[in-house]
Amino acid sequence: MFETSKVRTFFQGRVEKYDSIYDKDKKLIWKWLDFIFRRSIQIRFGLTLKECEDIKDKKILDIGCGPGMYMINLAKRQPKKIVALDFSEEMLNKAKKLARDKGVIEICQFVNSDFRRYVPDDKFDICLAIGLFDYLENPLEVLKKIRSICLGKAIISFPAKWRLRNIVRVIRLKLLGCPVYFYTLKQVKDLLTKSGFGDAKIITVDRDYLVIAK
């Protein structure tokens, strides 16, 4: 749990910076830097929303929801409910404010918890875990839990090992005291098999693997 504490501390102080990744109105220089260093975040965002086109009356869990950008975009598509879970209280407060501002607060539930300790009162049609496995020391434990509560598809991202852009990320996060983990394609496939996902599509997205699993 010491690793978890480090990650929580890292994200508690970076809510606004994290939220700005999805801001379309930023200055040109920041858009250029995002294209160079954060292109995969934008691409996987679009691909994930495309995978969730028909979600009317469905139950969705967003694990590690951050400031709520996925939650807000999905809430507009009339799901039955969205549970937004994050262990950073500041991130969750940002997500709540966003849901309130966008008028979708009534279908959103907010849980401030480590997913490993979360006890849901229901199962979900879609589970999102985007940008989560970057910071997990024991990914199999979490994948198995996702599989156990997911009735439909799970959409999960894994940062790819041996990518040039990820070298910069390792150095930056190490200096900031935040652990980060990377995966080969074989490791991703092995984790999916061991956790019970029998049907999975893996898309290479720049420095990430995006998994759509059932």
Protein backbone atom coordinates (compact mmCIF):
# COMPACT_ATOMS: atom_id res chain seq x y z
CA MET A 1 0.00 0.00 0.00
CA PHE A 2 3.03 2.29 0.25
CA GLU A 3 3.07 2.51 -3.55
CA THR A 4 -0.61 3.48 -3.48
CA SER A 5 0.15 6.31 -1.07
CA LYS A 6 2.82 7.68 -3.42
CA VAL A 7 0.45 7.64 -6.39
CA ARG A 8 -2.36 9.27 -4.41
CA THR A 9 -0.02 12.05 -3.26
CA PHE A 10 1.11 12.60 -6.86
CA PHE A 11 -2.43 13.02 -8.20
CA GLN A 12 -3.81 15.05 -5.30
CA GLY A 13 -1.70 18.03 -6.34
CA ARG A 14 -2.24 17.78 -10.09
CA VAL A 15 -5.96 18.02 -10.66
CA GLU A 16 -5.93 21.13 -12.87
CA LYS A 17 -2.92 19.98 -14.87
CA TYR A 18 -4.51 16.59 -15.55
CA ASP A 19 -7.83 18.18 -16.49
CA SER A 20 -6.13 20.47 -19.03
CA ILE A 21 -5.09 17.49 -21.18
CA TYR A 22 -8.63 17.38 -22.62
CA ASP A 23 -9.04 21.16 -22.98
CA LYS A 24 -9.61 22.07 -26.63
CA ASP A 25 -9.16 25.81 -26.07
CA LYS A 26 -5.53 25.78 -24.92
CA LYS A 27 -2.81 27.80 -26.63
CA LEU A 28 -1.15 26.52 -29.80
CA ILE A 29 2.18 25.76 -28.09
CA TRP A 30 0.43 23.53 -25.54
CA LYS A 31 -1.52 21.79 -28.30
CA TRP A 32 1.78 21.07 -30.05
CA LEU A 33 3.36 19.70 -26.85
CA ASP A 34 0.30 17.53 -26.28
CA PHE A 35 0.63 16.16 -29.81
CA ILE A 36 4.25 15.24 -29.16
CA PHE A 37 3.97 13.84 -25.64
CA ARG A 38 0.29 13.06 -25.02
CA ARG A 39 -1.01 11.99 -28.39
CA SER A 40 -1.96 8.53 -27.14
CA ILE A 41 -4.19 10.04 -24.43
CA GLN A 42 -6.24 11.90 -27.04
CA ILE A 43 -6.43 8.91 -29.38
CA ARG A 44 -7.52 6.42 -26.71
CA PHE A 45 -10.12 8.95 -25.51
CA GLY A 46 -11.71 8.99 -28.95
CA LEU A 47 -11.51 5.21 -29.37
CA THR A 48 -13.05 4.61 -25.96
CA LEU A 49 -15.98 6.91 -26.68
CA LYS A 50 -16.50 5.13 -30.00
CA GLU A 51 -16.68 1.79 -28.18
CA CYS A 52 -19.39 3.28 -25.95
CA GLU A 53 -21.71 4.67 -28.61
CA ASP A 54 -24.77 2.63 -27.58
CA ILE A 55 -24.96 2.80 -23.80
CA LYS A 56 -28.54 3.91 -23.21
CA ASP A 57 -29.90 2.40 -19.97
CA LYS A 58 -26.59 0.67 -19.24
CA LYS A 59 -24.59 0.71 -16.01
CA ILE A 60 -21.03 1.98 -16.27
CA LEU A 61 -18.10 1.98 -13.87
CA ASP A 62 -15.24 4.42 -14.47
CA ILE A 63 -12.29 3.21 -12.36
CA GLY A 64 -9.76 5.94 -11.72
CA CYS A 65 -12.15 8.51 -13.18
CA GLY A 66 -9.83 11.47 -12.54
CA PRO A 67 -11.51 14.85 -13.20
CA GLY A 68 -14.40 13.12 -14.97
CA MET A 69 -13.87 13.70 -18.68
CA TYR A 70 -14.93 10.18 -19.70
CA MET A 71 -17.82 10.27 -17.24
CA ILE A 72 -19.21 13.54 -18.61
CA ASN A 73 -19.04 12.48 -22.24
CA LEU A 74 -20.70 9.14 -21.49
CA ALA A 75 -23.38 10.70 -19.27
CA LYS A 76 -24.68 12.61 -22.30
CA ARG A 77 -25.56 9.26 -23.92
CA GLN A 78 -28.29 8.40 -21.39
CA PRO A 79 -26.86 5.46 -19.46
CA LYS A 80 -28.83 4.17 -16.49
CA LYS A 81 -26.03 5.21 -14.16
CA ILE A 82 -22.32 5.94 -14.05
CA VAL A 83 -20.24 5.18 -10.99
CA ALA A 84 -17.12 7.37 -10.96
CA LEU A 85 -14.46 5.95 -8.65
CA ASP A 86 -11.14 7.52 -7.69
CA PHE A 87 -8.88 7.31 -4.66
CA SER A 88 -7.96 10.99 -4.98
CA GLU A 89 -10.53 13.11 -3.17
CA GLU A 90 -9.47 16.21 -5.10
CA MET A 91 -9.95 14.46 -8.44
CA LEU A 92 -13.38 13.25 -7.37
CA ASN A 93 -14.42 16.72 -6.22
CA LYS A 94 -13.44 18.04 -9.65
CA ALA A 95 -15.53 15.31 -11.30
CA LYS A 96 -18.53 16.16 -9.09
CA LYS A 97 -18.31 19.84 -9.98
CA LEU A 98 -18.08 19.01 -13.68
CA ALA A 99 -21.13 16.72 -13.47
CA ARG A 100 -23.07 19.43 -11.65
CA ASP A 101 -22.06 22.11 -14.17
CA LYS A 102 -23.05 19.90 -17.11
CA GLY A 103 -26.39 18.92 -15.59
CA VAL A 104 -25.73 15.17 -15.32
CA ILE A 105 -25.17 14.89 -11.58
CA GLU A 106 -28.37 12.86 -11.08
CA ILE A 107 -27.14 9.81 -13.01
CA CYS A 108 -23.60 9.94 -11.59
CA GLN A 109 -22.49 8.32 -8.36
CA PHE A 110 -19.13 9.14 -6.82
CA VAL A 111 -16.96 6.78 -4.80
CA ASN A 112 -13.76 7.91 -3.07
CA SER A 113 -11.94 4.60 -2.69
CA ASP A 114 -9.11 2.36 -3.77
CA PHE A 115 -10.75 0.03 -6.29
CA ARG A 116 -9.30 -3.01 -4.52
CA ARG A 117 -11.38 -2.10 -1.45
CA TYR A 118 -14.50 -1.15 -3.37
CA VAL A 119 -17.55 -3.37 -2.78
CA PRO A 120 -20.13 -2.62 -5.49
CA ASP A 121 -23.82 -3.23 -4.88
CA ASP A 122 -24.30 -4.19 -8.51
CA LYS A 123 -22.50 -5.43 -11.61
CA PHE A 124 -21.77 -3.24 -14.62
CA ASP A 125 -22.37 -3.47 -18.36
CA ILE A 126 -19.18 -1.53 -19.11
CA CYS A 127 -16.08 -1.03 -16.97
CA LEU A 128 -13.47 1.59 -17.87
CA ALA A 129 -9.93 1.49 -16.53
CA ILE A 130 -8.10 4.13 -18.55
CA GLY A 131 -4.74 5.31 -17.22
CA LEU A 132 -5.08 3.02 -14.20
CA PHE A 133 -2.66 0.16 -14.82
CA ASP A 134 0.21 2.60 -15.25
CA TYR A 135 0.35 2.83 -11.45
CA LEU A 136 -0.48 -0.70 -10.26
CA GLU A 137 2.15 -2.91 -8.70
CA ASN A 138 -0.16 -5.96 -8.84
CA PRO A 139 -2.25 -5.64 -12.03
CA LEU A 140 -3.61 -9.20 -12.02
CA GLU A 141 -5.47 -8.68 -8.75
CA VAL A 142 -7.27 -5.66 -10.19
CA LEU A 143 -8.00 -7.28 -13.56
CA LYS A 144 -9.60 -10.27 -11.84
CA LYS A 145 -11.83 -7.96 -9.84
CA ILE A 146 -12.85 -6.05 -12.97
CA ARG A 147 -13.72 -9.34 -14.65
CA SER A 148 -15.84 -10.42 -11.69
CA ILE A 149 -18.08 -7.33 -11.80
CA CYS A 150 -18.24 -6.73 -15.56
CA LEU A 151 -21.25 -8.13 -17.42
CA GLY A 152 -20.28 -6.75 -20.81
CA LYS A 153 -17.09 -5.14 -22.03
CA ALA A 154 -14.10 -3.79 -20.16
CA ILE A 155 -12.07 -1.03 -21.80
CA ILE A 156 -8.57 -0.89 -20.34
CA SER A 157 -5.32 0.86 -21.21
CA PHE A 158 -1.80 -0.38 -20.55
CA PRO A 159 1.32 1.74 -21.16
CA ALA A 160 3.57 -0.07 -23.61
CA LYS A 161 7.10 -1.05 -22.69
CA TRP A 162 10.08 0.01 -24.84
CA ARG A 163 8.53 3.18 -26.25
CA LEU A 164 10.80 6.21 -26.59
CA ARG A 165 8.22 8.65 -25.22
CA ASN A 166 7.80 6.50 -22.13
CA ILE A 167 11.49 6.92 -21.25
CA VAL A 168 10.84 10.63 -20.71
CA ARG A 169 7.80 9.74 -18.63
CA VAL A 170 9.76 7.35 -16.40
CA ILE A 171 12.37 10.00 -15.64
CA ARG A 172 9.76 12.69 -14.95
CA LEU A 173 7.65 10.54 -12.63
CA LYS A 174 10.68 9.16 -10.82
CA LEU A 175 11.79 12.70 -10.03
CA LEU A 176 8.29 13.41 -8.73
CA GLY A 177 8.30 10.29 -6.57
CA CYS A 178 5.53 8.46 -8.43
CA PRO A 179 5.97 4.80 -9.49
CA VAL A 180 4.96 3.80 -13.01
CA TYR A 181 4.75 0.39 -14.71
CA PHE A 182 4.93 -0.67 -18.36
CA TYR A 183 3.87 -3.81 -20.23
CA THR A 184 4.90 -5.81 -23.25
CA LEU A 185 2.18 -7.10 -25.56
CA LYS A 186 2.82 -10.62 -24.26
CA GLN A 187 2.39 -9.47 -20.66
CA VAL A 188 -0.92 -7.83 -21.53
CA LYS A 189 -2.17 -11.00 -23.24
CA ASP A 190 -1.05 -13.17 -20.31
CA LEU A 191 -2.78 -10.90 -17.79
CA LEU A 192 -6.02 -11.00 -19.77
CA THR A 193 -5.92 -14.80 -19.97
CA LYS A 194 -5.12 -15.27 -16.28
CA SER A 195 -7.87 -12.88 -15.22
CA GLY A 196 -10.54 -14.72 -17.22
CA PHE A 197 -11.10 -12.45 -20.20
CA GLY A 198 -11.60 -14.92 -23.02
CA ASP A 199 -12.32 -12.48 -25.83
CA ALA A 200 -10.12 -9.41 -26.20
CA LYS A 201 -9.19 -6.93 -28.92
CA ILE A 202 -5.87 -5.14 -28.39
CA ILE A 203 -5.21 -1.90 -30.24
CA THR A 204 -1.75 -0.34 -30.31
CA VAL A 205 -2.18 3.38 -29.67
CA ASP A 206 1.16 5.16 -29.94
CA ARG A 207 2.71 4.49 -26.52
CA ASP A 208 -0.25 2.48 -25.15
CA TYR A 209 -2.23 -0.69 -25.65
CA LEU A 210 -5.99 -0.18 -25.55
CA VAL A 211 -7.88 -3.36 -24.69
CA ILE A 212 -11.55 -4.07 -25.32
CA ALA A 213 -12.25 -7.29 -23.44
CA LYS A 214 -15.25 -9.48 -22.64
